[in-house]
Amino acid sequence: MTRHRTGLAVATLALATLLAPSSAVAAPPSPQPTTAPPAGPRALADPLVIAHRGASGYRPEHTLAAYELAVQQGADVIEPDLVMTKDGVLVDRHEPEISGTTDVADHPELADRRTTKQVDGRPVTGWFVEDLTLAELRTLRAVERLPELRPESASYDGRFTVPTLAEVLDLRARLSREAGRTIGVIPEIKHSTYLHDAGLDPEAALVREVTRAGLNRPTAPLWTQSFEWTNLVDLREDHRYRARLVFLASNSGGPYDLAAAGTPRTYTEMLRPHSLRELARTVDAIGPDKRRVIPWEADGSLGTPTSLVADAHAAGLAVTPYTFRAENVFLPADLRVGDDPAAHGRMVDEVEAYLRTGVDGVFCDQPDLCLEARDRLAVAAG
């Protein structure tokens, strides 16, 4: 790793505490954040409907149009994913490699940029944002990532550009004014270790943009999330970042930054009750794969809730699981309707089951359906 900041040492020290067995001799505590811990995501709404990459079930993901539609549908928060251009600009794409979400393959002038790279230890072939300047990226247009499942969204291919983080933050402010309510934003820094190895610093760029937008404060309608741990510690400790932080956790594996540093840990280890208490020294919420909240049974049906929500709340952390999608292929077997993978199943029922566990928000590709579940539960509660 080329990272030279102190964050990795701080993160490693914190991990020594949070991963120690509860019966072991206590390790030195991790440093407390230099700013007062901000309030959790319930400061905006409870529970939140978070537009995952915008209303990405209806428009190509990570476009201004997808965010606008999400807010029109009633979403509380919009989610951009962040990677960086060659000239150091944070832009909104799910991954550094963009052949599946843009029309880059149709640009012969960029054909020589196609290459294979190691992303988090795995070979990936295609076109990478960090090999393009912002001006070059602006020549591309967004396309639907799942055209077979989402033909309506695919009909919008070629209409929208790739936005910068600055543009998304400005849009958030405009949509808040137009909607007459506060719209939140929850950017995710993608592959921080990979970007640092490429000579880029997404955390420093994020702090600049968030500060410019007047959102670098504990009560701002902004949360920053990552599947890595070191960069979250860096933000809190090195950058004196005051906005709220969310630690993401997939259903398997662990943070790549820790593995790359020779201190591998699994997400399962890091979400144990005593570990959650240590995570809460740095972050304000966790964003787990939804199957960590309610697992699927062996037959693919929705199972019984785990204790994760209660454990996280006991540690002072909010819980915002991902990702709720309406298409049958993404639903538990008992909530599918028919045999067509692209057909919409009973997503509203799925979301309602998760809301009943006490989660503080849900990441949704179809925000309108998550709002329907939230409204239905509110009516049932009287």
Protein backbone atom coordinates (compact mmCIF):
# COMPACT_ATOMS: atom_id res chain seq x y z
CA MET A 1 0.00 0.00 0.00
CA THR A 2 1.21 3.50 -0.78
CA ARG A 3 -0.89 5.00 1.99
CA HIS A 4 1.42 6.96 4.29
CA ARG A 5 -1.08 8.41 6.74
CA THR A 6 -1.46 7.44 10.38
CA GLY A 7 -4.94 6.06 9.90
CA LEU A 8 -3.83 2.46 9.30
CA ALA A 9 -1.93 2.38 12.59
CA VAL A 10 -4.94 3.83 14.41
CA ALA A 11 -7.27 1.38 12.68
CA THR A 12 -5.04 -1.57 13.56
CA LEU A 13 -4.92 -0.49 17.21
CA ALA A 14 -8.70 -0.20 17.29
CA LEU A 15 -9.06 -3.63 15.74
CA ALA A 16 -6.86 -5.16 18.40
CA THR A 17 -9.51 -4.11 20.89
CA LEU A 18 -12.67 -4.76 18.95
CA LEU A 19 -11.64 -8.25 17.84
CA ALA A 20 -10.26 -9.45 21.14
CA PRO A 21 -12.37 -12.18 22.79
CA SER A 22 -14.47 -10.71 25.57
CA SER A 23 -12.72 -12.96 28.12
CA ALA A 24 -9.24 -11.83 27.07
CA VAL A 25 -7.15 -9.20 28.82
CA ALA A 26 -8.28 -5.85 27.46
CA ALA A 27 -6.10 -4.33 24.78
CA PRO A 28 -5.36 -0.59 24.85
CA PRO A 29 -8.51 1.29 23.83
CA SER A 30 -8.66 2.87 20.42
CA PRO A 31 -8.42 6.67 20.38
CA GLN A 32 -11.67 8.51 20.79
CA PRO A 33 -12.75 10.67 17.86
CA THR A 34 -11.38 14.19 18.04
CA THR A 35 -14.90 15.56 17.55
CA ALA A 36 -18.00 14.71 19.51
CA PRO A 37 -19.80 11.68 18.06
CA PRO A 38 -22.68 12.96 15.93
CA ALA A 39 -26.24 11.77 16.21
CA GLY A 40 -27.24 8.66 14.26
CA PRO A 41 -29.24 8.63 11.03
CA ARG A 42 -32.55 8.81 12.87
CA ALA A 43 -31.93 12.57 13.08
CA LEU A 44 -33.50 12.85 9.59
CA ALA A 45 -36.34 10.32 9.57
CA ASP A 46 -37.15 7.01 11.17
CA PRO A 47 -36.86 4.76 9.28
CA LEU A 48 -35.18 6.27 6.23
CA VAL A 49 -35.90 5.30 2.66
CA ILE A 50 -32.53 5.54 0.93
CA ALA A 51 -32.53 5.66 -2.86
CA HIS A 52 -29.82 3.14 -3.75
CA ARG A 53 -27.88 4.76 -6.61
CA GLY A 54 -31.03 6.82 -7.12
CA ALA A 55 -34.28 5.27 -8.29
CA SER A 56 -32.08 2.74 -10.02
CA GLY A 57 -34.92 0.33 -10.69
CA TYR A 58 -36.38 2.86 -13.11
CA ARG A 59 -33.48 4.93 -14.48
CA PRO A 60 -29.79 4.19 -15.19
CA GLU A 61 -28.04 4.20 -11.83
CA HIS A 62 -25.94 7.08 -10.53
CA THR A 63 -27.46 9.72 -12.79
CA LEU A 64 -29.01 13.02 -11.79
CA ALA A 65 -32.25 11.81 -13.38
CA ALA A 66 -32.28 8.75 -11.09
CA TYR A 67 -31.88 10.97 -8.03
CA GLU A 68 -34.56 13.39 -9.19
CA LEU A 69 -37.05 10.57 -9.70
CA ALA A 70 -36.20 9.10 -6.30
CA VAL A 71 -37.01 12.37 -4.55
CA GLN A 72 -40.20 12.73 -6.59
CA GLN A 73 -41.18 9.28 -5.30
CA GLY A 74 -40.56 10.43 -1.72
CA ALA A 75 -37.08 9.09 -0.86
CA ASP A 76 -35.40 10.64 2.17
CA VAL A 77 -31.79 10.11 1.07
CA ILE A 78 -29.92 9.67 -2.22
CA GLU A 79 -26.80 7.52 -2.55
CA PRO A 80 -23.85 8.27 -4.87
CA ASP A 81 -20.88 5.90 -5.16
CA LEU A 82 -17.53 7.63 -5.58
CA VAL A 83 -14.49 6.87 -7.72
CA MET A 84 -11.89 9.31 -9.12
CA THR A 85 -10.79 10.56 -12.50
CA LYS A 86 -7.17 10.80 -13.63
CA ASP A 87 -7.19 14.48 -12.71
CA GLY A 88 -8.47 13.81 -9.21
CA VAL A 89 -12.19 14.59 -9.45
CA LEU A 90 -14.69 12.52 -7.47
CA VAL A 91 -17.35 11.18 -9.83
CA ASP A 92 -20.42 9.03 -9.37
CA ARG A 93 -19.97 5.42 -10.56
CA HIS A 94 -20.42 2.14 -8.77
CA GLU A 95 -16.97 0.82 -9.70
CA PRO A 96 -13.74 2.16 -11.20
CA GLU A 97 -14.42 -0.06 -14.25
CA ILE A 98 -17.25 1.47 -16.31
CA SER A 99 -17.93 -0.72 -19.35
CA GLY A 100 -21.22 -1.95 -17.82
CA THR A 101 -22.57 1.47 -16.82
CA THR A 102 -21.47 3.72 -19.70
CA ASP A 103 -21.14 3.57 -23.48
CA VAL A 104 -17.33 3.73 -23.29
CA ALA A 105 -16.97 0.67 -25.56
CA ASP A 106 -18.63 2.67 -28.34
CA HIS A 107 -15.90 5.34 -28.28
CA PRO A 108 -13.10 4.31 -30.66
CA GLU A 109 -10.94 7.21 -29.46
CA LEU A 110 -10.76 5.45 -26.07
CA ALA A 111 -10.20 1.91 -27.37
CA ASP A 112 -6.54 1.92 -26.33
CA ARG A 113 -7.52 2.56 -22.69
CA ARG A 114 -9.03 -0.89 -22.29
CA THR A 115 -6.84 -2.87 -19.92
CA THR A 116 -6.77 -5.40 -17.09
CA LYS A 117 -6.09 -4.35 -13.50
CA GLN A 118 -6.13 -5.91 -10.07
CA VAL A 119 -9.04 -4.47 -8.09
CA ASP A 120 -9.03 -5.63 -4.49
CA GLY A 121 -6.89 -8.60 -5.48
CA ARG A 122 -9.04 -9.71 -8.44
CA PRO A 123 -8.36 -9.17 -12.16
CA VAL A 124 -10.83 -6.85 -13.86
CA THR A 125 -10.78 -6.02 -17.56
CA GLY A 126 -12.31 -2.92 -19.11
CA TRP A 127 -12.08 0.85 -18.98
CA PHE A 128 -11.23 2.56 -15.70
CA VAL A 129 -12.26 6.00 -14.50
CA GLU A 130 -8.80 6.78 -13.14
CA ASP A 131 -7.40 6.42 -16.67
CA LEU A 132 -9.72 9.15 -17.98
CA THR A 133 -9.74 12.87 -17.31
CA LEU A 134 -13.01 14.48 -16.34
CA ALA A 135 -13.24 16.00 -19.82
CA GLU A 136 -12.90 12.55 -21.38
CA LEU A 137 -15.44 11.06 -18.99
CA ARG A 138 -17.88 13.81 -19.96
CA THR A 139 -17.97 12.45 -23.52
CA LEU A 140 -19.59 9.23 -22.22
CA ARG A 141 -23.23 8.53 -21.49
CA ALA A 142 -24.76 6.32 -18.81
CA VAL A 143 -26.44 3.01 -19.65
CA GLU A 144 -28.56 0.57 -17.66
CA ARG A 145 -26.40 -2.06 -15.94
CA LEU A 146 -29.13 -4.74 -15.95
CA PRO A 147 -30.94 -4.24 -19.27
CA GLU A 148 -32.46 -7.74 -19.35
CA LEU A 149 -34.11 -7.16 -15.98
CA ARG A 150 -34.87 -3.46 -16.42
CA PRO A 151 -35.86 -2.71 -20.03
CA GLU A 152 -37.75 0.44 -19.01
CA SER A 153 -34.57 1.87 -17.52
CA ALA A 154 -32.56 0.72 -20.53
CA SER A 155 -34.80 2.84 -22.75
CA TYR A 156 -33.05 5.85 -21.20
CA ASP A 157 -29.58 4.69 -22.28
CA GLY A 158 -27.46 7.46 -23.74
CA ARG A 159 -29.43 10.37 -22.27
CA PHE A 160 -27.42 11.18 -19.17
CA THR A 161 -23.83 12.09 -18.33
CA VAL A 162 -21.73 10.87 -15.41
CA PRO A 163 -22.11 13.42 -12.60
CA THR A 164 -19.43 14.65 -10.24
CA LEU A 165 -19.88 14.57 -6.47
CA ALA A 166 -20.08 18.36 -6.52
CA GLU A 167 -23.03 18.15 -8.92
CA VAL A 168 -24.80 15.58 -6.74
CA LEU A 169 -24.37 17.74 -3.63
CA ASP A 170 -25.68 20.78 -5.50
CA LEU A 171 -28.62 18.70 -6.74
CA ARG A 172 -29.38 17.61 -3.17
CA ALA A 173 -29.65 21.24 -2.12
CA ARG A 174 -31.89 22.13 -5.08
CA LEU A 175 -34.16 19.12 -4.57
CA SER A 176 -34.52 20.00 -0.89
CA ARG A 177 -35.72 23.47 -1.84
CA GLU A 178 -38.08 22.20 -4.51
CA ALA A 179 -39.53 19.41 -2.35
CA GLY A 180 -39.88 21.61 0.72
CA ARG A 181 -38.13 19.01 2.88
CA THR A 182 -34.56 18.08 3.71
CA ILE A 183 -33.06 15.51 1.36
CA GLY A 184 -30.07 13.61 2.72
CA VAL A 185 -27.11 12.20 0.83
CA ILE A 186 -25.00 9.16 1.70
CA PRO A 187 -21.91 8.91 -0.53
CA GLU A 188 -19.88 5.71 -0.54
CA ILE A 189 -16.13 5.79 -1.15
CA LYS A 190 -15.39 2.83 -3.40
CA HIS A 191 -12.14 0.86 -3.25
CA SER A 192 -10.18 3.39 -1.21
CA THR A 193 -7.04 1.24 -1.02
CA TYR A 194 -7.10 0.71 -4.79
CA LEU A 195 -7.43 4.45 -5.42
CA HIS A 196 -4.60 5.29 -3.02
CA ASP A 197 -2.39 2.76 -4.77
CA ALA A 198 -3.17 4.68 -7.99
CA GLY A 199 -1.90 7.87 -6.38
CA LEU A 200 -5.32 9.34 -5.61
CA ASP A 201 -6.82 10.50 -2.31
CA PRO A 202 -10.62 10.20 -2.29
CA GLU A 203 -10.94 11.09 1.39
CA ALA A 204 -9.20 14.46 1.04
CA ALA A 205 -11.29 15.23 -2.05
CA LEU A 206 -14.48 14.23 -0.23
CA VAL A 207 -13.73 16.50 2.70
CA ARG A 208 -13.13 19.43 0.33
CA GLU A 209 -16.42 18.92 -1.50
CA VAL A 210 -18.47 18.30 1.64
CA THR A 211 -16.99 21.38 3.28
CA ARG A 212 -17.69 23.47 0.17
CA ALA A 213 -21.31 22.36 0.34
CA GLY A 214 -21.57 23.33 4.02
CA LEU A 215 -22.14 19.72 5.12
CA ASN A 216 -19.03 18.96 7.19
CA ARG A 217 -20.87 19.11 10.50
CA PRO A 218 -22.44 16.57 12.86
CA THR A 219 -26.04 17.59 12.19
CA ALA A 220 -25.78 17.76 8.39
CA PRO A 221 -28.08 15.51 6.32
CA LEU A 222 -25.02 13.60 5.14
CA TRP A 223 -23.41 10.25 5.97
CA THR A 224 -20.27 8.79 4.41
CA GLN A 225 -19.91 5.04 4.04
CA SER A 226 -17.28 2.48 3.10
CA PHE A 227 -16.71 -1.27 3.04
CA GLU A 228 -13.14 -0.51 4.15
CA TRP A 229 -12.23 0.43 7.70
CA THR A 230 -8.98 2.38 7.47
CA ASN A 231 -10.42 5.24 5.46
CA LEU A 232 -13.26 5.75 7.94
CA VAL A 233 -10.70 6.05 10.75
CA ASP A 234 -8.65 8.38 8.53
CA LEU A 235 -11.65 10.63 7.98
CA ARG A 236 -12.41 10.89 11.66
CA GLU A 237 -8.85 11.12 12.95
CA ASP A 238 -6.64 12.59 10.23
CA HIS A 239 -9.14 14.80 8.43
CA ARG A 240 -11.12 15.84 11.54
CA TYR A 241 -14.23 14.92 9.55
CA ARG A 242 -17.33 15.91 11.50
CA ALA A 243 -20.12 14.41 9.38
CA ARG A 244 -21.52 10.98 10.16
CA LEU A 245 -19.86 7.72 9.10
CA VAL A 246 -21.26 4.29 8.20
CA PHE A 247 -19.34 1.01 8.10
CA LEU A 248 -20.66 -1.30 5.37
CA ALA A 249 -20.49 -5.08 5.65
CA SER A 250 -21.22 -7.67 2.98
CA ASN A 251 -22.57 -11.12 3.76
CA SER A 252 -19.11 -12.71 3.43
CA GLY A 253 -15.45 -11.72 3.32
CA GLY A 254 -13.93 -8.75 5.06
CA PRO A 255 -12.45 -5.28 4.46
CA TYR A 256 -9.85 -5.37 1.69
CA ASP A 257 -7.71 -2.67 3.30
CA LEU A 258 -7.09 -4.85 6.35
CA ALA A 259 -6.23 -7.88 4.24
CA ALA A 260 -3.84 -5.78 2.13
CA ALA A 261 -2.15 -4.54 5.32
CA GLY A 262 -1.64 -8.07 6.60
CA THR A 263 -4.29 -7.82 9.34
CA PRO A 264 -7.26 -9.61 7.72
CA ARG A 265 -10.57 -9.64 9.57
CA THR A 266 -14.00 -10.80 8.51
CA TYR A 267 -17.15 -8.73 8.58
CA THR A 268 -18.65 -11.39 10.82
CA GLU A 269 -15.93 -10.77 13.41
CA MET A 270 -16.38 -7.01 13.17
CA LEU A 271 -20.15 -7.20 13.72
CA ARG A 272 -20.01 -9.19 16.96
CA PRO A 273 -21.49 -7.36 19.97
CA HIS A 274 -18.19 -6.39 21.62
CA SER A 275 -16.78 -5.35 18.24
CA LEU A 276 -19.78 -3.12 17.52
CA ARG A 277 -19.07 -1.21 20.72
CA GLU A 278 -15.57 -0.47 19.49
CA LEU A 279 -16.77 0.45 16.00
CA ALA A 280 -19.04 3.01 17.65
CA ARG A 281 -15.95 4.95 18.75
CA THR A 282 -15.47 5.95 15.12
CA VAL A 283 -18.68 5.39 13.14
CA ASP A 284 -22.33 6.18 13.72
CA ALA A 285 -24.03 3.36 11.85
CA ILE A 286 -23.53 0.06 10.08
CA GLY A 287 -24.85 -0.84 6.64
CA PRO A 288 -25.01 -4.66 6.52
CA ASP A 289 -26.11 -6.92 3.72
CA LYS A 290 -29.81 -7.50 4.43
CA ARG A 291 -29.21 -11.22 4.97
CA ARG A 292 -27.26 -10.37 8.11
CA VAL A 293 -30.47 -8.94 9.54
CA ILE A 294 -32.83 -11.66 8.27
CA PRO A 295 -31.01 -14.64 6.72
CA TRP A 296 -32.45 -16.79 4.00
CA GLU A 297 -33.25 -20.41 4.78
CA ALA A 298 -31.71 -23.31 2.87
CA ASP A 299 -34.69 -23.30 0.49
CA GLY A 300 -34.19 -19.60 -0.25
CA SER A 301 -37.14 -18.38 1.82
CA LEU A 302 -36.97 -15.54 4.31
CA GLY A 303 -35.79 -16.76 7.68
CA THR A 304 -35.76 -15.56 11.28
CA PRO A 305 -34.17 -12.21 12.29
CA THR A 306 -30.77 -12.28 13.93
CA SER A 307 -29.80 -10.16 16.94
CA LEU A 308 -27.74 -7.75 14.83
CA VAL A 309 -30.17 -4.83 15.00
CA ALA A 310 -30.53 -5.11 18.78
CA ASP A 311 -26.77 -5.57 19.20
CA ALA A 312 -25.99 -2.51 17.08
CA HIS A 313 -28.57 -0.37 18.83
CA ALA A 314 -27.16 -1.42 22.19
CA ALA A 315 -23.78 -0.15 20.96
CA GLY A 316 -25.30 3.16 19.88
CA LEU A 317 -25.19 2.39 16.16
CA ALA A 318 -27.99 2.78 13.64
CA VAL A 319 -28.59 -0.01 11.11
CA THR A 320 -29.35 0.57 7.41
CA PRO A 321 -29.31 -2.73 5.47
CA TYR A 322 -28.97 -3.10 1.70
CA THR A 323 -30.26 -3.76 -0.98
CA PHE A 324 -34.01 -4.13 -1.59
CA ARG A 325 -34.93 -4.80 -5.22
CA ALA A 326 -38.33 -5.67 -6.65
CA GLU A 327 -37.31 -8.18 -9.32
CA ASN A 328 -37.94 -11.85 -8.50
CA VAL A 329 -34.28 -12.76 -8.98
CA PHE A 330 -33.34 -10.61 -5.98
CA LEU A 331 -36.16 -11.70 -3.66
CA PRO A 332 -36.43 -14.59 -1.19
CA ALA A 333 -38.06 -17.60 -2.84
CA ASP A 334 -41.30 -17.28 -0.87
CA LEU A 335 -41.82 -13.69 -2.00
CA ARG A 336 -41.40 -14.22 -5.73
CA VAL A 337 -44.37 -13.99 -8.10
CA GLY A 338 -44.21 -16.30 -11.10
CA ASP A 339 -41.11 -17.63 -12.81
CA ASP A 340 -39.91 -14.57 -14.74
CA PRO A 341 -36.68 -13.34 -13.09
CA ALA A 342 -37.46 -9.75 -14.16
CA ALA A 343 -41.03 -9.71 -12.89
CA HIS A 344 -41.74 -7.79 -9.70
CA GLY A 345 -42.43 -9.93 -6.68
CA ARG A 346 -43.58 -9.06 -3.17
CA MET A 347 -40.83 -6.60 -2.31
CA VAL A 348 -43.20 -4.55 -0.16
CA ASP A 349 -43.74 -7.57 2.08
CA GLU A 350 -39.99 -8.13 2.29
CA VAL A 351 -39.28 -4.53 3.27
CA GLU A 352 -42.05 -4.56 5.85
CA ALA A 353 -40.50 -7.64 7.48
CA TYR A 354 -37.20 -5.80 7.79
CA LEU A 355 -38.79 -2.62 9.12
CA ARG A 356 -40.40 -4.73 11.85
CA THR A 357 -36.91 -5.66 13.09
CA GLY A 358 -36.31 -2.02 13.98
CA VAL A 359 -33.83 -1.07 11.25
CA ASP A 360 -33.22 2.66 10.88
CA GLY A 361 -33.35 2.76 7.10
CA VAL A 362 -33.39 0.63 3.96
CA PHE A 363 -31.48 0.94 0.68
CA CYS A 364 -33.95 0.58 -2.18
CA ASP A 365 -33.69 0.40 -5.96
CA GLN A 366 -37.42 1.17 -6.12
CA PRO A 367 -37.93 3.82 -3.42
CA ASP A 368 -41.68 4.05 -4.05
CA LEU A 369 -42.13 0.44 -2.96
CA CYS A 370 -40.11 0.94 0.21
CA LEU A 371 -42.26 3.97 0.99
CA GLU A 372 -45.35 1.82 0.48
CA ALA A 373 -43.99 -0.68 3.01
CA ARG A 374 -43.19 2.08 5.51
CA ASP A 375 -46.63 3.63 5.11
CA ARG A 376 -48.35 0.27 5.45
CA LEU A 377 -46.47 -0.47 8.65
CA ALA A 378 -47.36 2.96 10.05
CA VAL A 379 -51.04 2.35 9.36
CA ALA A 380 -50.84 -1.07 11.02
CA ALA A 381 -49.24 0.53 14.08
CA GLY A 382 -52.22 2.84 14.35
